[in-house]
ModelCIF file with pLDDT and N, C-alpha, C, O atoms, coordinates in Angstrom:
data_MODEL
#
_entry.id   MODEL 
#
_entity.id                         1 
_entity.type                       polymer 
_entity.pdbx_number_of_molecules   1 
#
_entity_poly.entity_id                      1 
_entity_poly.type                           'polypeptide(L)' 
_entity_poly.nstd_linkage                   no 
_entity_poly.nstd_monomer                   no 
_entity_poly.pdbx_seq_one_letter_code       
;(UNK)(UNK)(UNK)(UNK)(UNK)(UNK)(UNK)(UNK)(UNK)(UNK)(UNK)(UNK)(UNK)(UNK)(UNK)(UNK)
(UNK)(UNK)(UNK)(UNK)(UNK)(UNK)(UNK)(UNK)(UNK)(UNK)(UNK)(UNK)(UNK)(UNK)(UNK)(UNK)
(UNK)(UNK)(UNK)(UNK)(UNK)(UNK)(UNK)(UNK)(UNK)(UNK)
;
_entity_poly.pdbx_seq_one_letter_code_can   XXXXXXXXXXXXXXXXXXXXXXXXXXXXXXXXXXXXXXXXXX 
_entity_poly.pdbx_strand_id                 A 
#
loop_
_entity_poly_seq.entity_id 
_entity_poly_seq.num 
_entity_poly_seq.mon_id 
_entity_poly_seq.hetero 
1 1  UNK n 
1 2  UNK n 
1 3  UNK n 
1 4  UNK n 
1 5  UNK n 
1 6  UNK n 
1 7  UNK n 
1 8  UNK n 
1 9  UNK n 
1 10 UNK n 
1 11 UNK n 
1 12 UNK n 
1 13 UNK n 
1 14 UNK n 
1 15 UNK n 
1 16 UNK n 
1 17 UNK n 
1 18 UNK n 
1 19 UNK n 
1 20 UNK n 
1 21 UNK n 
1 22 UNK n 
1 23 UNK n 
1 24 UNK n 
1 25 UNK n 
1 26 UNK n 
1 27 UNK n 
1 28 UNK n 
1 29 UNK n 
1 30 UNK n 
1 31 UNK n 
1 32 UNK n 
1 33 UNK n 
1 34 UNK n 
1 35 UNK n 
1 36 UNK n 
1 37 UNK n 
1 38 UNK n 
1 39 UNK n 
1 40 UNK n 
1 41 UNK n 
1 42 UNK n 
#
_struct_asym.id          A 
_struct_asym.entity_id   1 
#
loop_
_ma_qa_metric.id 
_ma_qa_metric.mode 
_ma_qa_metric.name 
_ma_qa_metric.software_group_id 
_ma_qa_metric.type 
1 global pLDDT . pLDDT 
2 local  pLDDT . pLDDT 
#
_ma_qa_metric_global.metric_id      1 
_ma_qa_metric_global.metric_value   92.02 
_ma_qa_metric_global.model_id       1 
_ma_qa_metric_global.ordinal_id     1 
#
loop_
_ma_qa_metric_local.label_asym_id 
_ma_qa_metric_local.label_comp_id 
_ma_qa_metric_local.label_seq_id 
_ma_qa_metric_local.metric_id 
_ma_qa_metric_local.metric_value 
_ma_qa_metric_local.model_id 
_ma_qa_metric_local.ordinal_id 
A UNK 1  2 88.00 1 1  
A UNK 2  2 93.00 1 2  
A UNK 3  2 96.00 1 3  
A UNK 4  2 95.00 1 4  
A UNK 5  2 92.00 1 5  
A UNK 6  2 95.00 1 6  
A UNK 7  2 96.00 1 7  
A UNK 8  2 91.00 1 8  
A UNK 9  2 91.00 1 9  
A UNK 10 2 95.00 1 10 
A UNK 11 2 92.00 1 11 
A UNK 12 2 85.00 1 12 
A UNK 13 2 91.00 1 13 
A UNK 14 2 93.00 1 14 
A UNK 15 2 87.00 1 15 
A UNK 16 2 87.00 1 16 
A UNK 17 2 91.00 1 17 
A UNK 18 2 92.00 1 18 
A UNK 19 2 89.00 1 19 
A UNK 20 2 91.00 1 20 
A UNK 21 2 93.00 1 21 
A UNK 22 2 93.00 1 22 
A UNK 23 2 94.00 1 23 
A UNK 24 2 91.00 1 24 
A UNK 25 2 91.00 1 25 
A UNK 26 2 93.00 1 26 
A UNK 27 2 92.00 1 27 
A UNK 28 2 87.00 1 28 
A UNK 29 2 90.00 1 29 
A UNK 30 2 94.00 1 30 
A UNK 31 2 91.00 1 31 
A UNK 32 2 89.00 1 32 
A UNK 33 2 95.00 1 33 
A UNK 34 2 96.00 1 34 
A UNK 35 2 92.00 1 35 
A UNK 36 2 92.00 1 36 
A UNK 37 2 96.00 1 37 
A UNK 38 2 95.00 1 38 
A UNK 39 2 92.00 1 39 
A UNK 40 2 94.00 1 40 
A UNK 41 2 94.00 1 41 
A UNK 42 2 91.00 1 42 
#
loop_
_atom_site.group_PDB 
_atom_site.id 
_atom_site.type_symbol 
_atom_site.label_atom_id 
_atom_site.label_alt_id 
_atom_site.label_comp_id 
_atom_site.label_asym_id 
_atom_site.label_entity_id 
_atom_site.label_seq_id 
_atom_site.pdbx_PDB_ins_code 
_atom_site.Cartn_x 
_atom_site.Cartn_y 
_atom_site.Cartn_z 
_atom_site.occupancy 
_atom_site.B_iso_or_equiv 
_atom_site.pdbx_formal_charge 
_atom_site.auth_seq_id 
_atom_site.auth_comp_id 
_atom_site.auth_asym_id 
_atom_site.auth_atom_id 
_atom_site.pdbx_PDB_model_num 
ATOM 1   N N  . UNK A 1 1  ? 1.049   -0.787 -0.310  1.00 88.00 ? 1  UNK A N  1 
ATOM 2   C CA . UNK A 1 1  ? 0.014   0.085  0.195   1.00 88.00 ? 1  UNK A CA 1 
ATOM 3   C C  . UNK A 1 1  ? 0.931   1.344  0.377   1.00 88.00 ? 1  UNK A C  1 
ATOM 4   O O  . UNK A 1 1  ? 1.808   1.592  1.205   1.00 88.00 ? 1  UNK A O  1 
ATOM 5   N N  . UNK A 1 2  ? 0.369   2.131  -0.801  1.00 93.00 ? 2  UNK A N  1 
ATOM 6   C CA . UNK A 1 2  ? 1.129   3.302  -0.576  1.00 93.00 ? 2  UNK A CA 1 
ATOM 7   C C  . UNK A 1 2  ? 1.013   4.462  0.732   1.00 93.00 ? 2  UNK A C  1 
ATOM 8   O O  . UNK A 1 2  ? 0.024   4.275  1.442   1.00 93.00 ? 2  UNK A O  1 
ATOM 9   N N  . UNK A 1 3  ? 1.613   5.250  1.001   1.00 96.00 ? 3  UNK A N  1 
ATOM 10  C CA . UNK A 1 3  ? 1.513   6.312  1.984   1.00 96.00 ? 3  UNK A CA 1 
ATOM 11  C C  . UNK A 1 3  ? 0.213   6.560  1.916   1.00 96.00 ? 3  UNK A C  1 
ATOM 12  O O  . UNK A 1 3  ? -0.423  6.217  2.913   1.00 96.00 ? 3  UNK A O  1 
ATOM 13  N N  . UNK A 1 4  ? -0.358  7.034  1.076   1.00 95.00 ? 4  UNK A N  1 
ATOM 14  C CA . UNK A 1 4  ? -1.654  7.741  1.067   1.00 95.00 ? 4  UNK A CA 1 
ATOM 15  C C  . UNK A 1 4  ? -2.849  6.668  1.334   1.00 95.00 ? 4  UNK A C  1 
ATOM 16  O O  . UNK A 1 4  ? -3.895  6.903  1.940   1.00 95.00 ? 4  UNK A O  1 
ATOM 17  N N  . UNK A 1 5  ? -2.428  5.358  0.705   1.00 92.00 ? 5  UNK A N  1 
ATOM 18  C CA . UNK A 1 5  ? -3.437  4.379  0.738   1.00 92.00 ? 5  UNK A CA 1 
ATOM 19  C C  . UNK A 1 5  ? -3.664  3.931  2.630   1.00 92.00 ? 5  UNK A C  1 
ATOM 20  O O  . UNK A 1 5  ? -4.678  3.607  3.249   1.00 92.00 ? 5  UNK A O  1 
ATOM 21  N N  . UNK A 1 6  ? -2.390  4.086  3.026   1.00 95.00 ? 6  UNK A N  1 
ATOM 22  C CA . UNK A 1 6  ? -2.402  3.783  4.431   1.00 95.00 ? 6  UNK A CA 1 
ATOM 23  C C  . UNK A 1 6  ? -2.970  4.786  5.520   1.00 95.00 ? 6  UNK A C  1 
ATOM 24  O O  . UNK A 1 6  ? -3.468  4.436  6.590   1.00 95.00 ? 6  UNK A O  1 
ATOM 25  N N  . UNK A 1 7  ? -2.850  5.793  5.175   1.00 96.00 ? 7  UNK A N  1 
ATOM 26  C CA . UNK A 1 7  ? -3.435  7.279  5.743   1.00 96.00 ? 7  UNK A CA 1 
ATOM 27  C C  . UNK A 1 7  ? -4.915  7.293  5.649   1.00 96.00 ? 7  UNK A C  1 
ATOM 28  O O  . UNK A 1 7  ? -5.642  7.782  6.514   1.00 96.00 ? 7  UNK A O  1 
ATOM 29  N N  . UNK A 1 8  ? -5.359  6.681  4.454   1.00 91.00 ? 8  UNK A N  1 
ATOM 30  C CA . UNK A 1 8  ? -6.871  6.724  4.161   1.00 91.00 ? 8  UNK A CA 1 
ATOM 31  C C  . UNK A 1 8  ? -7.363  5.741  4.939   1.00 91.00 ? 8  UNK A C  1 
ATOM 32  O O  . UNK A 1 8  ? -8.427  6.053  5.474   1.00 91.00 ? 8  UNK A O  1 
ATOM 33  N N  . UNK A 1 9  ? -6.922  4.556  5.214   1.00 91.00 ? 9  UNK A N  1 
ATOM 34  C CA . UNK A 1 9  ? -7.306  3.280  5.887   1.00 91.00 ? 9  UNK A CA 1 
ATOM 35  C C  . UNK A 1 9  ? -7.309  4.105  7.462   1.00 91.00 ? 9  UNK A C  1 
ATOM 36  O O  . UNK A 1 9  ? -8.336  4.045  8.138   1.00 91.00 ? 9  UNK A O  1 
ATOM 37  N N  . UNK A 1 10 ? -6.593  4.554  7.764   1.00 95.00 ? 10 UNK A N  1 
ATOM 38  C CA . UNK A 1 10 ? -6.212  5.106  9.141   1.00 95.00 ? 10 UNK A CA 1 
ATOM 39  C C  . UNK A 1 10 ? -7.293  6.009  9.627   1.00 95.00 ? 10 UNK A C  1 
ATOM 40  O O  . UNK A 1 10 ? -7.784  5.816  10.740  1.00 95.00 ? 10 UNK A O  1 
ATOM 41  N N  . UNK A 1 11 ? -7.704  7.011  8.840   1.00 92.00 ? 11 UNK A N  1 
ATOM 42  C CA . UNK A 1 11 ? -8.639  7.718  8.724   1.00 92.00 ? 11 UNK A CA 1 
ATOM 43  C C  . UNK A 1 11 ? -9.829  7.078  8.637   1.00 92.00 ? 11 UNK A C  1 
ATOM 44  O O  . UNK A 1 11 ? -10.627 7.600  9.416   1.00 92.00 ? 11 UNK A O  1 
ATOM 45  N N  . UNK A 1 12 ? -10.433 5.916  7.857   1.00 85.00 ? 12 UNK A N  1 
ATOM 46  C CA . UNK A 1 12 ? -11.667 5.308  7.920   1.00 85.00 ? 12 UNK A CA 1 
ATOM 47  C C  . UNK A 1 12 ? -11.610 4.681  9.255   1.00 85.00 ? 12 UNK A C  1 
ATOM 48  O O  . UNK A 1 12 ? -12.657 4.597  9.897   1.00 85.00 ? 12 UNK A O  1 
ATOM 49  N N  . UNK A 1 13 ? -10.321 4.156  9.825   1.00 91.00 ? 13 UNK A N  1 
ATOM 50  C CA . UNK A 1 13 ? -10.752 3.122  11.159  1.00 91.00 ? 13 UNK A CA 1 
ATOM 51  C C  . UNK A 1 13 ? -10.679 4.302  11.844  1.00 91.00 ? 13 UNK A C  1 
ATOM 52  O O  . UNK A 1 13 ? -11.829 4.291  12.283  1.00 91.00 ? 13 UNK A O  1 
ATOM 53  N N  . UNK A 1 14 ? -10.188 5.347  12.286  1.00 93.00 ? 14 UNK A N  1 
ATOM 54  C CA . UNK A 1 14 ? -10.508 6.365  13.603  1.00 93.00 ? 14 UNK A CA 1 
ATOM 55  C C  . UNK A 1 14 ? -12.441 6.911  13.327  1.00 93.00 ? 14 UNK A C  1 
ATOM 56  O O  . UNK A 1 14 ? -13.352 7.087  14.136  1.00 93.00 ? 14 UNK A O  1 
ATOM 57  N N  . UNK A 1 15 ? -12.384 7.008  12.043  1.00 87.00 ? 15 UNK A N  1 
ATOM 58  C CA . UNK A 1 15 ? -14.003 7.544  12.255  1.00 87.00 ? 15 UNK A CA 1 
ATOM 59  C C  . UNK A 1 15 ? -15.151 6.454  12.369  1.00 87.00 ? 15 UNK A C  1 
ATOM 60  O O  . UNK A 1 15 ? -16.332 6.659  12.648  1.00 87.00 ? 15 UNK A O  1 
ATOM 61  N N  . UNK A 1 16 ? -14.495 5.187  12.074  1.00 87.00 ? 16 UNK A N  1 
ATOM 62  C CA . UNK A 1 16 ? -15.463 3.694  12.657  1.00 87.00 ? 16 UNK A CA 1 
ATOM 63  C C  . UNK A 1 16 ? -15.556 3.795  14.006  1.00 87.00 ? 16 UNK A C  1 
ATOM 64  O O  . UNK A 1 16 ? -16.666 3.658  14.519  1.00 87.00 ? 16 UNK A O  1 
ATOM 65  N N  . UNK A 1 17 ? -14.344 4.069  14.863  1.00 91.00 ? 17 UNK A N  1 
ATOM 66  C CA . UNK A 1 17 ? -14.149 3.970  15.846  1.00 91.00 ? 17 UNK A CA 1 
ATOM 67  C C  . UNK A 1 17 ? -14.896 4.836  16.798  1.00 91.00 ? 17 UNK A C  1 
ATOM 68  O O  . UNK A 1 17 ? -15.443 4.439  17.826  1.00 91.00 ? 17 UNK A O  1 
ATOM 69  N N  . UNK A 1 18 ? -14.862 6.255  16.284  1.00 92.00 ? 18 UNK A N  1 
ATOM 70  C CA . UNK A 1 18 ? -15.513 7.458  17.218  1.00 92.00 ? 18 UNK A CA 1 
ATOM 71  C C  . UNK A 1 18 ? -16.800 7.437  16.566  1.00 92.00 ? 18 UNK A C  1 
ATOM 72  O O  . UNK A 1 18 ? -17.236 8.574  16.742  1.00 92.00 ? 18 UNK A O  1 
ATOM 73  N N  . UNK A 1 19 ? -17.611 6.804  15.941  1.00 89.00 ? 19 UNK A N  1 
ATOM 74  C CA . UNK A 1 19 ? -19.101 6.979  15.440  1.00 89.00 ? 19 UNK A CA 1 
ATOM 75  C C  . UNK A 1 19 ? -19.897 6.044  16.052  1.00 89.00 ? 19 UNK A C  1 
ATOM 76  O O  . UNK A 1 19 ? -19.638 4.845  15.950  1.00 89.00 ? 19 UNK A O  1 
ATOM 77  N N  . UNK A 1 20 ? -20.963 6.507  16.760  1.00 91.00 ? 20 UNK A N  1 
ATOM 78  C CA . UNK A 1 20 ? -21.840 6.034  17.472  1.00 91.00 ? 20 UNK A CA 1 
ATOM 79  C C  . UNK A 1 20 ? -23.147 5.748  16.634  1.00 91.00 ? 20 UNK A C  1 
ATOM 80  O O  . UNK A 1 20 ? -23.900 4.775  16.685  1.00 91.00 ? 20 UNK A O  1 
ATOM 81  N N  . UNK A 1 21 ? -23.199 6.955  15.798  1.00 93.00 ? 21 UNK A N  1 
ATOM 82  C CA . UNK A 1 21 ? -24.782 7.051  14.737  1.00 93.00 ? 21 UNK A CA 1 
ATOM 83  C C  . UNK A 1 21 ? -25.057 5.501  14.235  1.00 93.00 ? 21 UNK A C  1 
ATOM 84  O O  . UNK A 1 21 ? -24.140 4.936  13.639  1.00 93.00 ? 21 UNK A O  1 
ATOM 85  N N  . UNK A 1 22 ? -25.910 5.020  14.390  1.00 93.00 ? 22 UNK A N  1 
ATOM 86  C CA . UNK A 1 22 ? -26.253 3.844  13.451  1.00 93.00 ? 22 UNK A CA 1 
ATOM 87  C C  . UNK A 1 22 ? -26.090 4.387  12.052  1.00 93.00 ? 22 UNK A C  1 
ATOM 88  O O  . UNK A 1 22 ? -25.117 4.007  11.399  1.00 93.00 ? 22 UNK A O  1 
ATOM 89  N N  . UNK A 1 23 ? -26.929 5.219  11.544  1.00 94.00 ? 23 UNK A N  1 
ATOM 90  C CA . UNK A 1 23 ? -27.279 5.798  10.419  1.00 94.00 ? 23 UNK A CA 1 
ATOM 91  C C  . UNK A 1 23 ? -25.902 5.779  9.693   1.00 94.00 ? 23 UNK A C  1 
ATOM 92  O O  . UNK A 1 23 ? -25.613 5.084  8.718   1.00 94.00 ? 23 UNK A O  1 
ATOM 93  N N  . UNK A 1 24 ? -24.896 6.900  10.514  1.00 91.00 ? 24 UNK A N  1 
ATOM 94  C CA . UNK A 1 24 ? -23.742 7.074  9.768   1.00 91.00 ? 24 UNK A CA 1 
ATOM 95  C C  . UNK A 1 24 ? -22.812 5.431  9.521   1.00 91.00 ? 24 UNK A C  1 
ATOM 96  O O  . UNK A 1 24 ? -21.994 5.055  8.681   1.00 91.00 ? 24 UNK A O  1 
ATOM 97  N N  . UNK A 1 25 ? -23.181 5.061  10.215  1.00 91.00 ? 25 UNK A N  1 
ATOM 98  C CA . UNK A 1 25 ? -22.099 3.784  10.356  1.00 91.00 ? 25 UNK A CA 1 
ATOM 99  C C  . UNK A 1 25 ? -22.650 2.784  9.262   1.00 91.00 ? 25 UNK A C  1 
ATOM 100 O O  . UNK A 1 25 ? -21.841 2.008  8.753   1.00 91.00 ? 25 UNK A O  1 
ATOM 101 N N  . UNK A 1 26 ? -24.313 2.741  8.768   1.00 93.00 ? 26 UNK A N  1 
ATOM 102 C CA . UNK A 1 26 ? -24.506 2.440  7.842   1.00 93.00 ? 26 UNK A CA 1 
ATOM 103 C C  . UNK A 1 26 ? -24.219 2.657  6.449   1.00 93.00 ? 26 UNK A C  1 
ATOM 104 O O  . UNK A 1 26 ? -24.174 1.851  5.520   1.00 93.00 ? 26 UNK A O  1 
ATOM 105 N N  . UNK A 1 27 ? -23.995 4.156  6.491   1.00 92.00 ? 27 UNK A N  1 
ATOM 106 C CA . UNK A 1 27 ? -23.509 4.757  5.201   1.00 92.00 ? 27 UNK A CA 1 
ATOM 107 C C  . UNK A 1 27 ? -22.071 4.345  5.149   1.00 92.00 ? 27 UNK A C  1 
ATOM 108 O O  . UNK A 1 27 ? -21.509 4.088  4.084   1.00 92.00 ? 27 UNK A O  1 
ATOM 109 N N  . UNK A 1 28 ? -21.570 4.296  6.151   1.00 87.00 ? 28 UNK A N  1 
ATOM 110 C CA . UNK A 1 28 ? -19.799 3.883  5.943   1.00 87.00 ? 28 UNK A CA 1 
ATOM 111 C C  . UNK A 1 28 ? -19.622 2.346  5.459   1.00 87.00 ? 28 UNK A C  1 
ATOM 112 O O  . UNK A 1 28 ? -18.626 1.897  4.893   1.00 87.00 ? 28 UNK A O  1 
ATOM 113 N N  . UNK A 1 29 ? -20.665 1.714  5.762   1.00 90.00 ? 29 UNK A N  1 
ATOM 114 C CA . UNK A 1 29 ? -20.610 0.400  5.493   1.00 90.00 ? 29 UNK A CA 1 
ATOM 115 C C  . UNK A 1 29 ? -21.093 0.436  3.965   1.00 90.00 ? 29 UNK A C  1 
ATOM 116 O O  . UNK A 1 29 ? -20.430 -0.346 3.283   1.00 90.00 ? 29 UNK A O  1 
ATOM 117 N N  . UNK A 1 30 ? -21.999 1.083  3.298   1.00 94.00 ? 30 UNK A N  1 
ATOM 118 C CA . UNK A 1 30 ? -22.231 1.394  1.920   1.00 94.00 ? 30 UNK A CA 1 
ATOM 119 C C  . UNK A 1 30 ? -21.064 1.830  1.025   1.00 94.00 ? 30 UNK A C  1 
ATOM 120 O O  . UNK A 1 30 ? -20.787 1.323  -0.062  1.00 94.00 ? 30 UNK A O  1 
ATOM 121 N N  . UNK A 1 31 ? -20.442 2.802  1.606   1.00 91.00 ? 31 UNK A N  1 
ATOM 122 C CA . UNK A 1 31 ? -19.251 3.317  0.881   1.00 91.00 ? 31 UNK A CA 1 
ATOM 123 C C  . UNK A 1 31 ? -18.034 2.149  0.873   1.00 91.00 ? 31 UNK A C  1 
ATOM 124 O O  . UNK A 1 31 ? -17.130 2.081  0.040   1.00 91.00 ? 31 UNK A O  1 
ATOM 125 N N  . UNK A 1 32 ? -18.212 1.401  1.824   1.00 89.00 ? 32 UNK A N  1 
ATOM 126 C CA . UNK A 1 32 ? -16.835 0.229  2.328   1.00 89.00 ? 32 UNK A CA 1 
ATOM 127 C C  . UNK A 1 32 ? -17.417 -0.475 1.089   1.00 89.00 ? 32 UNK A C  1 
ATOM 128 O O  . UNK A 1 32 ? -16.694 -0.396 0.097   1.00 89.00 ? 32 UNK A O  1 
ATOM 129 N N  . UNK A 1 33 ? -18.670 -1.205 0.926   1.00 95.00 ? 33 UNK A N  1 
ATOM 130 C CA . UNK A 1 33 ? -18.984 -2.107 -0.242  1.00 95.00 ? 33 UNK A CA 1 
ATOM 131 C C  . UNK A 1 33 ? -19.002 -1.720 -1.509  1.00 95.00 ? 33 UNK A C  1 
ATOM 132 O O  . UNK A 1 33 ? -18.533 -2.463 -2.371  1.00 95.00 ? 33 UNK A O  1 
ATOM 133 N N  . UNK A 1 34 ? -19.454 -0.702 -1.775  1.00 96.00 ? 34 UNK A N  1 
ATOM 134 C CA . UNK A 1 34 ? -19.293 -0.235 -3.160  1.00 96.00 ? 34 UNK A CA 1 
ATOM 135 C C  . UNK A 1 34 ? -17.844 0.102  -3.595  1.00 96.00 ? 34 UNK A C  1 
ATOM 136 O O  . UNK A 1 34 ? -17.518 -0.090 -4.766  1.00 96.00 ? 34 UNK A O  1 
ATOM 137 N N  . UNK A 1 35 ? -17.071 0.538  -2.801  1.00 92.00 ? 35 UNK A N  1 
ATOM 138 C CA . UNK A 1 35 ? -15.549 0.437  -2.921  1.00 92.00 ? 35 UNK A CA 1 
ATOM 139 C C  . UNK A 1 35 ? -14.707 -0.842 -3.263  1.00 92.00 ? 35 UNK A C  1 
ATOM 140 O O  . UNK A 1 35 ? -13.751 -0.946 -4.032  1.00 92.00 ? 35 UNK A O  1 
ATOM 141 N N  . UNK A 1 36 ? -15.265 -1.699 -2.554  1.00 92.00 ? 36 UNK A N  1 
ATOM 142 C CA . UNK A 1 36 ? -14.953 -3.189 -2.827  1.00 92.00 ? 36 UNK A CA 1 
ATOM 143 C C  . UNK A 1 36 ? -15.406 -4.039 -3.646  1.00 92.00 ? 36 UNK A C  1 
ATOM 144 O O  . UNK A 1 36 ? -14.902 -5.147 -3.830  1.00 92.00 ? 36 UNK A O  1 
ATOM 145 N N  . UNK A 1 37 ? -16.247 -3.670 -4.126  1.00 96.00 ? 37 UNK A N  1 
ATOM 146 C CA . UNK A 1 37 ? -16.861 -4.174 -5.240  1.00 96.00 ? 37 UNK A CA 1 
ATOM 147 C C  . UNK A 1 37 ? -16.388 -3.490 -6.731  1.00 96.00 ? 37 UNK A C  1 
ATOM 148 O O  . UNK A 1 37 ? -16.155 -4.069 -7.792  1.00 96.00 ? 37 UNK A O  1 
ATOM 149 N N  . UNK A 1 38 ? -16.344 -2.304 -6.466  1.00 95.00 ? 38 UNK A N  1 
ATOM 150 C CA . UNK A 1 38 ? -15.631 -1.215 -7.253  1.00 95.00 ? 38 UNK A CA 1 
ATOM 151 C C  . UNK A 1 38 ? -14.435 -1.773 -7.740  1.00 95.00 ? 38 UNK A C  1 
ATOM 152 O O  . UNK A 1 38 ? -14.239 -1.891 -8.949  1.00 95.00 ? 38 UNK A O  1 
ATOM 153 N N  . UNK A 1 39 ? -13.486 -2.183 -6.745  1.00 92.00 ? 39 UNK A N  1 
ATOM 154 C CA . UNK A 1 39 ? -12.254 -2.734 -6.929  1.00 92.00 ? 39 UNK A CA 1 
ATOM 155 C C  . UNK A 1 39 ? -12.229 -4.159 -7.508  1.00 92.00 ? 39 UNK A C  1 
ATOM 156 O O  . UNK A 1 39 ? -11.330 -4.692 -8.157  1.00 92.00 ? 39 UNK A O  1 
ATOM 157 N N  . UNK A 1 40 ? -13.314 -4.612 -7.160  1.00 94.00 ? 40 UNK A N  1 
ATOM 158 C CA . UNK A 1 40 ? -13.141 -6.344 -7.741  1.00 94.00 ? 40 UNK A CA 1 
ATOM 159 C C  . UNK A 1 40 ? -13.552 -6.086 -9.267  1.00 94.00 ? 40 UNK A C  1 
ATOM 160 O O  . UNK A 1 40 ? -13.230 -6.897 -10.136 1.00 94.00 ? 40 UNK A O  1 
ATOM 161 N N  . UNK A 1 41 ? -14.056 -5.276 -9.471  1.00 94.00 ? 41 UNK A N  1 
ATOM 162 C CA . UNK A 1 41 ? -14.609 -5.191 -10.962 1.00 94.00 ? 41 UNK A CA 1 
ATOM 163 C C  . UNK A 1 41 ? -13.069 -4.610 -11.728 1.00 94.00 ? 41 UNK A C  1 
ATOM 164 O O  . UNK A 1 41 ? -12.454 -5.081 -12.684 1.00 94.00 ? 41 UNK A O  1 
ATOM 165 N N  . UNK A 1 42 ? -12.891 -3.878 -11.202 1.00 91.00 ? 42 UNK A N  1 
ATOM 166 C CA . UNK A 1 42 ? -11.524 -3.284 -11.998 1.00 91.00 ? 42 UNK A CA 1 
ATOM 167 C C  . UNK A 1 42 ? -10.472 -4.038 -11.992 1.00 91.00 ? 42 UNK A C  1 
ATOM 168 O O  . UNK A 1 42 ? -9.442  -3.664 -12.554 1.00 91.00 ? 42 UNK A O  1 
#
């Protein structure tokens, strides 16, 4: 992973750790699923 990718992972991890709103967690999960499936397709 590049430094930028590792930084983005850390940012996402921190957001997940500090999020207590279930709707925000759902949105983050949707973003992750879309990114994962897009990467698989690519």
